[in-house]
PDB file of N, CA and C in Angstrom:
ATOM      1  N   MET A   1      -7.523  34.216  -3.488  1.00  0.00           N
ATOM      2  CA  MET A   1      -7.100  35.606  -3.969  1.00  0.00           C
ATOM      3  C   MET A   1      -5.912  35.164  -4.544  1.00  0.00           C
ATOM      4  N   ASP A   2      -5.199  35.548  -5.750  1.00  0.00           N
ATOM      5  CA  ASP A   2      -3.836  35.643  -6.010  1.00  0.00           C
ATOM      6  C   ASP A   2      -3.037  36.669  -5.310  1.00  0.00           C
ATOM      7  N   THR A   3      -1.940  35.990  -5.127  1.00  0.00           N
ATOM      8  CA  THR A   3      -0.836  36.812  -4.514  1.00  0.00           C
ATOM      9  C   THR A   3       0.546  36.776  -5.683  1.00  0.00           C
ATOM     10  N   LYS A   4       1.500  37.595  -5.606  1.00  0.00           N
ATOM     11  CA  LYS A   4       2.495  37.709  -6.480  1.00  0.00           C
ATOM     12  C   LYS A   4       3.561  36.972  -5.738  1.00  0.00           C
ATOM     13  N   LEU A   5       4.376  36.184  -6.425  1.00  0.00           N
ATOM     14  CA  LEU A   5       5.566  35.485  -5.518  1.00  0.00           C
ATOM     15  C   LEU A   5       6.695  35.407  -6.671  1.00  0.00           C
ATOM     16  N   THR A   6       8.083  36.040  -5.996  1.00  0.00           N
ATOM     17  CA  THR A   6       9.373  36.234  -6.952  1.00  0.00           C
ATOM     18  C   THR A   6       9.929  34.910  -6.630  1.00  0.00           C
ATOM     19  N   LEU A   7      10.713  34.457  -7.323  1.00  0.00           N
ATOM     20  CA  LEU A   7      11.574  33.359  -7.425  1.00  0.00           C
ATOM     21  C   LEU A   7      12.747  33.823  -8.108  1.00  0.00           C
ATOM     22  N   LYS A   8      13.745  33.114  -7.617  1.00  0.00           N
ATOM     23  CA  LYS A   8      14.999  33.342  -7.979  1.00  0.00           C
ATOM     24  C   LYS A   8      15.530  31.779  -8.532  1.00  0.00           C
ATOM     25  N   LEU A   9      15.577  31.478  -9.940  1.00  0.00           N
ATOM     26  CA  LEU A   9      15.883  30.112 -10.477  1.00  0.00           C
ATOM     27  C   LEU A   9      16.970  30.271 -11.511  1.00  0.00           C
ATOM     28  N   ASP A  10      17.636  29.228 -11.977  1.00  0.00           N
ATOM     29  CA  ASP A  10      18.552  29.220 -13.063  1.00  0.00           C
ATOM     30  C   ASP A  10      17.530  29.580 -14.413  1.00  0.00           C
ATOM     31  N   LYS A  11      18.562  30.292 -15.068  1.00  0.00           N
ATOM     32  CA  LYS A  11      17.707  30.741 -16.298  1.00  0.00           C
ATOM     33  C   LYS A  11      17.527  29.911 -17.270  1.00  0.00           C
ATOM     34  N   SER A  12      18.710  28.549 -17.386  1.00  0.00           N
ATOM     35  CA  SER A  12      18.053  27.648 -18.436  1.00  0.00           C
ATOM     36  C   SER A  12      16.698  26.864 -17.956  1.00  0.00           C
ATOM     37  N   ILE A  13      16.596  26.675 -16.623  1.00  0.00           N
ATOM     38  CA  ILE A  13      15.626  25.937 -16.090  1.00  0.00           C
ATOM     39  C   ILE A  13      14.459  26.690 -16.009  1.00  0.00           C
ATOM     40  N   ILE A  14      14.545  28.087 -16.417  1.00  0.00           N
ATOM     41  CA  ILE A  14      13.188  29.113 -16.375  1.00  0.00           C
ATOM     42  C   ILE A  14      12.481  28.846 -17.877  1.00  0.00           C
ATOM     43  N   GLU A  15      13.931  28.998 -18.592  1.00  0.00           N
ATOM     44  CA  GLU A  15      13.766  28.565 -20.344  1.00  0.00           C
ATOM     45  C   GLU A  15      12.984  27.635 -20.553  1.00  0.00           C
ATOM     46  N   ARG A  16      13.315  26.455 -20.257  1.00  0.00           N
ATOM     47  CA  ARG A  16      13.007  24.804 -20.329  1.00  0.00           C
ATOM     48  C   ARG A  16      11.407  24.843 -19.964  1.00  0.00           C
ATOM     49  N   ALA A  17      11.190  25.414 -18.519  1.00  0.00           N
ATOM     50  CA  ALA A  17      10.012  25.567 -17.943  1.00  0.00           C
ATOM     51  C   ALA A  17       8.920  26.372 -18.536  1.00  0.00           C
ATOM     52  N   LYS A  18       9.221  27.565 -19.431  1.00  0.00           N
ATOM     53  CA  LYS A  18       8.483  28.234 -20.445  1.00  0.00           C
ATOM     54  C   LYS A  18       8.212  27.481 -21.382  1.00  0.00           C
ATOM     55  N   GLU A  19       9.071  26.558 -22.143  1.00  0.00           N
ATOM     56  CA  GLU A  19       8.637  26.095 -23.189  1.00  0.00           C
ATOM     57  C   GLU A  19       7.608  24.970 -22.837  1.00  0.00           C
ATOM     58  N   TYR A  20       7.963  24.454 -22.056  1.00  0.00           N
ATOM     59  CA  TYR A  20       7.170  23.361 -21.706  1.00  0.00           C
ATOM     60  C   TYR A  20       5.591  23.415 -21.249  1.00  0.00           C
ATOM     61  N   ALA A  21       5.645  24.808 -20.488  1.00  0.00           N
ATOM     62  CA  ALA A  21       4.173  25.390 -20.445  1.00  0.00           C
ATOM     63  C   ALA A  21       3.514  25.704 -21.761  1.00  0.00           C
ATOM     64  N   LYS A  22       4.199  26.451 -22.332  1.00  0.00           N
ATOM     65  CA  LYS A  22       3.992  26.717 -23.855  1.00  0.00           C
ATOM     66  C   LYS A  22       3.353  25.328 -24.443  1.00  0.00           C
ATOM     67  N   ASP A  23       3.924  24.429 -24.825  1.00  0.00           N
ATOM     68  CA  ASP A  23       3.649  23.114 -25.351  1.00  0.00           C
ATOM     69  C   ASP A  23       2.647  22.789 -24.681  1.00  0.00           C
ATOM     70  N   LYS A  24       2.284  22.513 -23.304  1.00  0.00           N
ATOM     71  CA  LYS A  24       0.926  22.159 -22.896  1.00  0.00           C
ATOM     72  C   LYS A  24      -0.255  23.188 -22.700  1.00  0.00           C
ATOM     73  N   ASN A  25      -0.024  24.300 -23.275  1.00  0.00           N
ATOM     74  CA  ASN A  25      -1.005  25.458 -23.267  1.00  0.00           C
ATOM     75  C   ASN A  25      -1.580  25.627 -22.016  1.00  0.00           C
ATOM     76  N   ILE A  26      -0.501  25.942 -21.146  1.00  0.00           N
ATOM     77  CA  ILE A  26      -0.851  26.625 -19.968  1.00  0.00           C
ATOM     78  C   ILE A  26       0.112  27.481 -19.009  1.00  0.00           C
ATOM     79  N   SER A  27       0.012  28.474 -18.490  1.00  0.00           N
ATOM     80  CA  SER A  27       0.840  29.459 -18.172  1.00  0.00           C
ATOM     81  C   SER A  27       1.828  28.547 -17.021  1.00  0.00           C
ATOM     82  N   LEU A  28       3.160  29.640 -17.044  1.00  0.00           N
ATOM     83  CA  LEU A  28       3.973  28.913 -16.102  1.00  0.00           C
ATOM     84  C   LEU A  28       3.747  29.083 -14.968  1.00  0.00           C
ATOM     85  N   SER A  29       2.570  30.451 -14.392  1.00  0.00           N
ATOM     86  CA  SER A  29       2.070  30.498 -13.226  1.00  0.00           C
ATOM     87  C   SER A  29       1.713  29.616 -12.710  1.00  0.00           C
ATOM     88  N   LYS A  30       0.659  28.894 -13.621  1.00  0.00           N
ATOM     89  CA  LYS A  30      -0.717  27.968 -13.044  1.00  0.00           C
ATOM     90  C   LYS A  30       0.106  26.818 -13.023  1.00  0.00           C
ATOM     91  N   MET A  31       1.027  26.226 -14.087  1.00  0.00           N
ATOM     92  CA  MET A  31       1.845  25.293 -14.168  1.00  0.00           C
ATOM     93  C   MET A  31       2.542  24.929 -12.506  1.00  0.00           C
ATOM     94  N   ILE A  32       3.256  26.172 -11.898  1.00  0.00           N
ATOM     95  CA  ILE A  32       4.098  26.028 -10.849  1.00  0.00           C
ATOM     96  C   ILE A  32       2.910  25.895  -9.632  1.00  0.00           C
ATOM     97  N   GLU A  33       1.859  26.861  -9.763  1.00  0.00           N
ATOM     98  CA  GLU A  33       0.496  26.764  -8.787  1.00  0.00           C
ATOM     99  C   GLU A  33       0.025  25.112  -8.711  1.00  0.00           C
ATOM    100  N   ASN A  34      -0.287  24.610  -9.597  1.00  0.00           N
ATOM    101  CA  ASN A  34      -0.687  23.133  -9.624  1.00  0.00           C
ATOM    102  C   ASN A  34       0.382  22.454  -9.349  1.00  0.00           C
ATOM    103  N   TYR A  35       1.805  22.349  -9.441  1.00  0.00           N
ATOM    104  CA  TYR A  35       2.908  21.608  -8.815  1.00  0.00           C
ATOM    105  C   TYR A  35       2.715  21.734  -7.340  1.00  0.00           C
ATOM    106  N   LEU A  36       2.624  23.134  -6.751  1.00  0.00           N
ATOM    107  CA  LEU A  36       2.630  23.196  -5.447  1.00  0.00           C
ATOM    108  C   LEU A  36       1.459  22.677  -4.457  1.00  0.00           C
ATOM    109  N   GLN A  37       0.434  22.994  -5.389  1.00  0.00           N
ATOM    110  CA  GLN A  37      -0.748  22.504  -4.967  1.00  0.00           C
ATOM    111  C   GLN A  37      -0.500  20.842  -5.040  1.00  0.00           C
ATOM    112  N   ALA A  38       0.128  19.981  -5.768  1.00  0.00           N
ATOM    113  CA  ALA A  38       0.298  18.727  -5.263  1.00  0.00           C
ATOM    114  C   ALA A  38       1.033  18.330  -4.387  1.00  0.00           C
ATOM    115  N   LEU A  39       2.097  19.049  -3.935  1.00  0.00           N
ATOM    116  CA  LEU A  39       3.035  18.838  -3.144  1.00  0.00           C
ATOM    117  C   LEU A  39       2.173  18.932  -1.783  1.00  0.00           C
ATOM    118  N   THR A  40       1.408  20.176  -1.691  1.00  0.00           N
ATOM    119  CA  THR A  40       1.132  20.378  -0.112  1.00  0.00           C
ATOM    120  C   THR A  40      -0.391  19.791   0.187  1.00  0.00           C
ATOM    121  N   SER A  41      -1.117  18.900  -0.884  1.00  0.00           N
ATOM    122  CA  SER A  41      -2.368  18.402  -0.698  1.00  0.00           C
ATOM    123  C   SER A  41      -1.986  16.799  -0.410  1.00  0.00           C
ATOM    124  N   ASN A  42      -3.578  16.630   0.348  1.00  0.00           N
ATOM    125  CA  ASN A  42      -3.375  15.052   0.622  1.00  0.00           C
ATOM    126  C   ASN A  42      -3.534  14.131  -0.747  1.00  0.00           C
ATOM    127  N   LYS A  43      -2.939  12.969  -1.166  1.00  0.00           N
ATOM    128  CA  LYS A  43      -2.775  12.482  -2.362  1.00  0.00           C
ATOM    129  C   LYS A  43      -3.810  12.024  -2.735  1.00  0.00           C
ATOM    130  N   GLU A  44      -5.279  11.680  -1.913  1.00  0.00           N
ATOM    131  CA  GLU A  44      -6.250  11.376  -2.401  1.00  0.00           C
ATOM    132  C   GLU A  44      -7.035  12.472  -2.477  1.00  0.00           C
ATOM    133  N   GLU A  45      -6.816  13.549  -2.443  1.00  0.00           N
ATOM    134  CA  GLU A  45      -7.706  14.681  -2.677  1.00  0.00           C
ATOM    135  C   GLU A  45      -7.295  15.450  -3.646  1.00  0.00           C
ATOM    136  N   GLU A  46      -7.770  16.308  -4.485  1.00  0.00           N
ATOM    137  CA  GLU A  46      -7.297  17.141  -5.641  1.00  0.00           C
ATOM    138  C   GLU A  46      -7.200  16.493  -6.751  1.00  0.00           C
ATOM    139  N   ILE A  47      -7.064  15.324  -6.937  1.00  0.00           N
ATOM    140  CA  ILE A  47      -6.879  14.637  -8.114  1.00  0.00           C
ATOM    141  C   ILE A  47      -7.974  14.713  -8.999  1.00  0.00           C
ATOM    142  N   GLU A  48      -7.647  15.429 -10.327  1.00  0.00           N
ATOM    143  CA  GLU A  48      -8.232  15.679 -11.628  1.00  0.00           C
ATOM    144  C   GLU A  48      -7.847  14.592 -12.541  1.00  0.00           C
ATOM    145  N   ILE A  49      -9.185  14.075 -12.550  1.00  0.00           N
ATOM    146  CA  ILE A  49      -8.888  12.593 -13.754  1.00  0.00           C
ATOM    147  C   ILE A  49      -9.608  13.308 -15.285  1.00  0.00           C
ATOM    148  N   SER A  50      -8.849  13.173 -15.988  1.00  0.00           N
ATOM    149  CA  SER A  50      -8.983  13.758 -17.451  1.00  0.00           C
ATOM    150  C   SER A  50     -10.051  13.081 -18.051  1.00  0.00           C
ATOM    151  N   PRO A  51     -10.990  13.604 -19.192  1.00  0.00           N
ATOM    152  CA  PRO A  51     -11.790  12.859 -19.607  1.00  0.00           C
ATOM    153  C   PRO A  51     -11.418  11.309 -20.501  1.00  0.00           C
ATOM    154  N   LEU A  52     -10.256  11.683 -20.737  1.00  0.00           N
ATOM    155  CA  LEU A  52      -9.895  10.427 -21.795  1.00  0.00           C
ATOM    156  C   LEU A  52      -9.783   9.112 -20.511  1.00  0.00           C
ATOM    157  N   VAL A  53      -9.152   9.572 -19.218  1.00  0.00           N
ATOM    158  CA  VAL A  53      -8.884   8.392 -18.187  1.00  0.00           C
ATOM    159  C   VAL A  53      -9.878   8.012 -17.645  1.00  0.00           C
ATOM    160  N   GLU A  54     -10.953   9.055 -17.423  1.00  0.00           N
ATOM    161  CA  GLU A  54     -12.386   8.795 -17.203  1.00  0.00           C
ATOM    162  C   GLU A  54     -12.959   7.406 -18.295  1.00  0.00           C
ATOM    163  N   SER A  55     -12.813   7.701 -19.421  1.00  0.00           N
ATOM    164  CA  SER A  55     -13.800   6.682 -19.957  1.00  0.00           C
ATOM    165  C   SER A  55     -12.719   5.281 -20.467  1.00  0.00           C
ATOM    166  N   LEU A  56     -11.473   5.436 -19.998  1.00  0.00           N
ATOM    167  CA  LEU A  56     -10.887   4.145 -19.663  1.00  0.00           C
ATOM    168  C   LEU A  56     -10.910   3.264 -18.324  1.00  0.00           C
ATOM    169  N   ILE A  57     -11.795   3.596 -17.473  1.00  0.00           N
ATOM    170  CA  ILE A  57     -11.952   3.310 -16.407  1.00  0.00           C
ATOM    171  C   ILE A  57     -12.703   2.009 -16.378  1.00  0.00           C
ATOM    172  N   GLY A  58     -12.208   0.718 -16.176  1.00  0.00           N
ATOM    173  CA  GLY A  58     -13.335  -0.426 -16.277  1.00  0.00           C
ATOM    174  C   GLY A  58     -12.991  -1.033 -17.316  1.00  0.00           C
ATOM    175  N   VAL A  59     -12.031  -0.698 -18.563  1.00  0.00           N
ATOM    176  CA  VAL A  59     -12.160  -1.356 -19.730  1.00  0.00           C
ATOM    177  C   VAL A  59     -11.411  -2.755 -19.528  1.00  0.00           C
ATOM    178  N   ILE A  60     -10.460  -2.558 -18.780  1.00  0.00           N
ATOM    179  CA  ILE A  60      -9.669  -3.926 -18.573  1.00  0.00           C
ATOM    180  C   ILE A  60     -10.145  -4.754 -17.464  1.00  0.00           C
ATOM    181  N   LYS A  61     -10.437  -5.768 -17.628  1.00  0.00           N
ATOM    182  CA  LYS A  61     -11.325  -6.384 -16.350  1.00  0.00           C
ATOM    183  C   LYS A  61      -9.907  -7.192 -15.982  1.00  0.00           C
ATOM    184  N   THR A  62      -9.849  -7.117 -14.563  1.00  0.00           N
ATOM    185  CA  THR A  62      -8.540  -7.994 -13.824  1.00  0.00           C
ATOM    186  C   THR A  62      -8.912  -8.910 -12.637  1.00  0.00           C
ATOM    187  N   GLN A  63     -10.535  -8.969 -12.450  1.00  0.00           N
ATOM    188  CA  GLN A  63     -10.605  -9.640 -11.071  1.00  0.00           C
ATOM    189  C   GLN A  63     -10.779 -10.917 -11.504  1.00  0.00           C
ATOM    190  N   GLY A  64     -10.152 -11.773 -10.642  1.00  0.00           N
ATOM    191  CA  GLY A  64     -10.205 -13.317 -11.038  1.00  0.00           C
ATOM    192  C   GLY A  64      -9.018 -13.836 -12.097  1.00  0.00           C
ATOM    193  N   THR A  65      -8.132 -13.003 -12.263  1.00  0.00           N
ATOM    194  CA  THR A  65      -6.835 -13.063 -13.281  1.00  0.00           C
ATOM    195  C   THR A  65      -5.952 -13.568 -12.015  1.00  0.00           C
ATOM    196  N   ASP A  66      -5.431 -14.490 -12.601  1.00  0.00           N
ATOM    197  CA  ASP A  66      -4.085 -15.098 -11.931  1.00  0.00           C
ATOM    198  C   ASP A  66      -2.684 -14.654 -12.714  1.00  0.00           C
ATOM    199  N   TYR A  67      -2.043 -13.688 -12.420  1.00  0.00           N
ATOM    200  CA  TYR A  67      -0.975 -13.320 -13.299  1.00  0.00           C
ATOM    201  C   TYR A  67       0.058 -14.208 -13.103  1.00  0.00           C
ATOM    202  N   LYS A  68       0.265 -14.659 -11.871  1.00  0.00           N
ATOM    203  CA  LYS A  68       1.744 -15.326 -11.941  1.00  0.00           C
ATOM    204  C   LYS A  68       1.567 -16.837 -12.909  1.00  0.00           C
ATOM    205  N   LYS A  69      -0.054 -17.288 -12.522  1.00  0.00           N
ATOM    206  CA  LYS A  69      -0.134 -18.596 -13.678  1.00  0.00           C
ATOM    207  C   LYS A  69      -0.118 -17.950 -15.040  1.00  0.00           C
ATOM    208  N   ASP A  70      -0.783 -17.105 -15.316  1.00  0.00           N
ATOM    209  CA  ASP A  70      -0.752 -17.029 -16.779  1.00  0.00           C
ATOM    210  C   ASP A  70       0.663 -16.626 -17.420  1.00  0.00           C
ATOM    211  N   TYR A  71       1.556 -16.166 -16.515  1.00  0.00           N
ATOM    212  CA  TYR A  71       2.695 -15.834 -17.019  1.00  0.00           C
ATOM    213  C   TYR A  71       3.550 -17.208 -17.147  1.00  0.00           C
ATOM    214  N   THR A  72       3.466 -17.827 -16.074  1.00  0.00           N
ATOM    215  CA  THR A  72       4.200 -19.097 -16.183  1.00  0.00           C
ATOM    216  C   THR A  72       3.767 -20.147 -17.192  1.00  0.00           C
ATOM    217  N   ASP A  73       2.533 -19.984 -17.473  1.00  0.00           N
ATOM    218  CA  ASP A  73       1.894 -20.544 -18.576  1.00  0.00           C
ATOM    219  C   ASP A  73       2.863 -20.120 -20.360  1.00  0.00           C
ATOM    220  N   PHE A  74       2.568 -19.011 -19.910  1.00  0.00           N
ATOM    221  CA  PHE A  74       3.435 -18.297 -21.215  1.00  0.00           C
ATOM    222  C   PHE A  74       4.731 -18.811 -21.620  1.00  0.00           C
ATOM    223  N   LEU A  75       5.399 -18.903 -20.417  1.00  0.00           N
ATOM    224  CA  LEU A  75       7.079 -19.128 -20.205  1.00  0.00           C
ATOM    225  C   LEU A  75       7.117 -20.590 -20.601  1.00  0.00           C
ATOM    226  N   SER A  76       6.076 -21.561 -20.080  1.00  0.00           N
ATOM    227  CA  SER A  76       6.104 -22.800 -20.537  1.00  0.00           C
ATOM    228  C   SER A  76       5.940 -23.053 -21.916  1.00  0.00           C
ATOM    229  N   ASP A  77       4.819 -22.117 -22.433  1.00  0.00           N
ATOM    230  CA  ASP A  77       4.505 -22.494 -23.991  1.00  0.00           C
ATOM    231  C   ASP A  77       5.404 -21.946 -24.713  1.00  0.00           C
ATOM    232  N   LYS A  78       6.339 -21.205 -24.456  1.00  0.00           N
ATOM    233  CA  LYS A  78       7.260 -20.279 -25.128  1.00  0.00           C
ATOM    234  C   LYS A  78       8.660 -21.146 -25.089  1.00  0.00           C
ATOM    235  N   TYR A  79       8.864 -21.924 -24.151  1.00  0.00           N
ATOM    236  CA  TYR A  79      10.227 -22.523 -24.019  1.00  0.00           C
ATOM    237  C   TYR A  79       9.920 -24.227 -23.866  1.00  0.00           C
ATOM    238  N   ALA A  80       9.015 -24.389 -24.284  1.00  0.00           N
ATOM    239  CA  ALA A  80       8.566 -25.951 -24.468  1.00  0.00           C
ATOM    240  C   ALA A  80       8.878 -26.267 -25.646  1.00  0.00           C
TER     241      ALA A  80
END
């Protein structure tokens, strides 16, 4: 159930927020609702993964990679 909320904010902040919301193609009310939802929910819950991010999951294989050794080898080659 939606309920009306009245807020007092600095005018310049409201104008920037409206412009941001317009650029993101979302209403200012929905943007504030999403923000408040993110603040008050558990971090592990309610996280919506976009289709683009979903498609990237698993693209980079990191298992078995020794980053410290790789970086050390890189620096050794670079400065040798």
